[in-house]
C-alpha cells in the first residue's frame, strides 16, 4: 500500500497527481462522467485516492479531489464540493464509482 500523504492545497494535490499520470480532467454531467465531451459510465471507474479540503474561513472552499481510473486505463481527477457545496446529484454518481480497496487512501 502507498504511504499516506496529504497535500496542503487542492492545487498541490492536482499537480502531484498529474505527475503520477492522473492527467485527465473529469466532470459529472447527466448521470455520467465526462472528459473531452465524451460520456463514460460511472460504473466503469474506480476511486483510487481521495483528498478532502475544508475552507478555513469560507465553507464554499470545501472540496474533495478524487483520483479515478477507468477499466480502459483512463486516469484523471474529479473535483467535487462537499458540505454546503455538495448536491444530491453529484453524491449519487459518486456512489456508483467503486473504491479500489487495496489502494484506497482517505487523505
Protein backbone atom coordinates (compact mmCIF):
# COMPACT_ATOMS: atom_id res chain seq x y z
CA UNK A 1 0.00 0.00 0.00
CA UNK A 2 1.18 3.52 -0.75
CA UNK A 3 2.21 5.75 2.15
CA UNK A 4 -0.35 8.18 3.49
CA UNK A 5 0.23 11.63 2.01
CA UNK A 6 -1.76 14.79 2.41
CA UNK A 7 -1.14 17.72 0.12
CA UNK A 8 -1.58 21.16 1.66
CA UNK A 9 -3.77 22.55 -1.13
CA UNK A 10 -6.02 21.36 -3.92
CA UNK A 11 -3.54 22.86 -6.39
CA UNK A 12 -0.67 20.81 -4.93
CA UNK A 13 -2.75 17.62 -4.97
CA UNK A 14 -3.63 18.17 -8.64
CA UNK A 15 0.00 18.88 -9.54
CA UNK A 16 1.29 15.75 -7.80
CA UNK A 17 -1.45 13.54 -9.23
CA UNK A 18 -0.70 14.83 -12.73
CA UNK A 19 2.97 13.88 -12.26
CA UNK A 20 1.77 10.37 -11.34
CA UNK A 21 -0.28 10.01 -14.53
CA UNK A 22 -3.70 11.36 -13.50
CA UNK A 23 -3.77 13.81 -16.39
CA UNK A 24 -7.42 13.86 -17.48
CA UNK A 25 -9.99 16.30 -16.10
CA UNK A 26 -13.28 14.52 -15.38
CA UNK A 27 -16.60 16.21 -14.63
CA UNK A 28 -20.08 14.98 -13.67
CA UNK A 29 -22.97 15.54 -16.07
CA UNK A 30 -26.28 13.77 -16.77
CA UNK A 31 -25.52 10.71 -14.63
CA UNK A 32 -22.18 10.32 -16.45
CA UNK A 33 -18.52 11.07 -16.03
CA UNK A 34 -17.45 13.39 -18.85
CA UNK A 35 -13.99 14.06 -20.28
CA UNK A 36 -13.37 15.97 -23.52
CA UNK A 37 -17.11 15.86 -24.29
CA UNK A 38 -17.14 12.03 -24.12
CA UNK A 39 -19.55 10.50 -21.62
CA UNK A 40 -18.49 7.47 -19.55
CA UNK A 41 -20.47 5.24 -17.21
CA UNK A 42 -19.58 5.78 -13.53
CA UNK A 43 -19.60 2.01 -13.04
CA UNK A 44 -16.55 1.78 -15.34
CA UNK A 45 -14.40 3.74 -12.87
CA UNK A 46 -12.66 3.17 -9.58
CA UNK A 47 -11.74 5.76 -6.98
CA UNK A 48 -8.05 5.23 -6.29
CA UNK A 49 -7.33 8.09 -3.88
CA UNK A 50 -9.28 10.83 -2.11
CA UNK A 51 -8.08 14.18 -0.79
CA UNK A 52 -10.56 16.29 1.19
CA UNK A 53 -10.12 20.00 1.87
CA UNK A 54 -12.01 22.27 4.21
CA UNK A 55 -12.19 26.02 3.76
CA UNK A 56 -10.71 27.76 6.79
CA UNK A 57 -12.96 30.80 6.53
CA UNK A 58 -15.35 30.09 3.66
CA UNK A 59 -17.48 26.91 3.52
CA UNK A 60 -17.64 27.37 -0.27
CA UNK A 61 -13.94 26.40 -0.35
CA UNK A 62 -14.74 22.84 0.74
CA UNK A 63 -13.74 20.34 -1.97
CA UNK A 64 -12.81 16.72 -2.48
CA UNK A 65 -10.24 15.66 -5.08
CA UNK A 66 -10.73 12.13 -6.42
CA UNK A 67 -8.03 10.30 -8.37
CA UNK A 68 -10.04 7.95 -10.59
CA UNK A 69 -9.19 5.30 -13.15
CA UNK A 70 -11.38 3.54 -15.71
CA UNK A 71 -11.37 -0.13 -16.65
CA UNK A 72 -9.96 1.02 -20.02
CA UNK A 73 -6.98 2.71 -18.31
CA UNK A 74 -8.11 6.35 -18.39
CA UNK A 75 -6.62 8.16 -15.38
CA UNK A 76 -7.59 11.58 -14.13
CA UNK A 77 -9.08 13.70 -11.42
CA UNK A 78 -12.59 14.64 -10.44
CA UNK A 79 -13.21 17.54 -8.07
CA UNK A 80 -16.48 17.73 -6.18
CA UNK A 81 -17.76 20.04 -3.47
CA UNK A 82 -18.97 18.69 -0.15
CA UNK A 83 -20.76 20.11 2.81
CA UNK A 84 -22.66 23.21 1.71
CA UNK A 85 -21.12 22.91 -1.79
CA UNK A 86 -22.36 19.38 -2.45
CA UNK A 87 -25.55 18.30 -4.14
CA UNK A 88 -27.54 15.07 -4.27
CA UNK A 89 -26.83 14.65 -8.00
CA UNK A 90 -23.05 14.52 -7.50
CA UNK A 91 -23.34 12.30 -4.45
CA UNK A 92 -25.50 9.84 -6.39
CA UNK A 93 -22.98 9.50 -9.22
CA UNK A 94 -20.04 9.23 -6.84
CA UNK A 95 -21.74 6.33 -5.06
CA UNK A 96 -21.72 4.42 -8.36
CA UNK A 97 -17.94 4.64 -8.66
CA UNK A 98 -16.21 1.71 -6.98
CA UNK A 99 -13.48 2.28 -4.44
CA UNK A 100 -10.29 0.31 -5.01
CA UNK A 101 -10.00 -1.37 -1.59
CA UNK A 102 -6.33 -2.34 -1.82
CA UNK A 103 -5.20 1.18 -2.74
CA UNK A 104 -7.89 3.42 -1.32
CA UNK A 105 -6.46 6.04 0.99
CA UNK A 106 -8.58 8.72 2.60
CA UNK A 107 -6.20 11.63 2.82
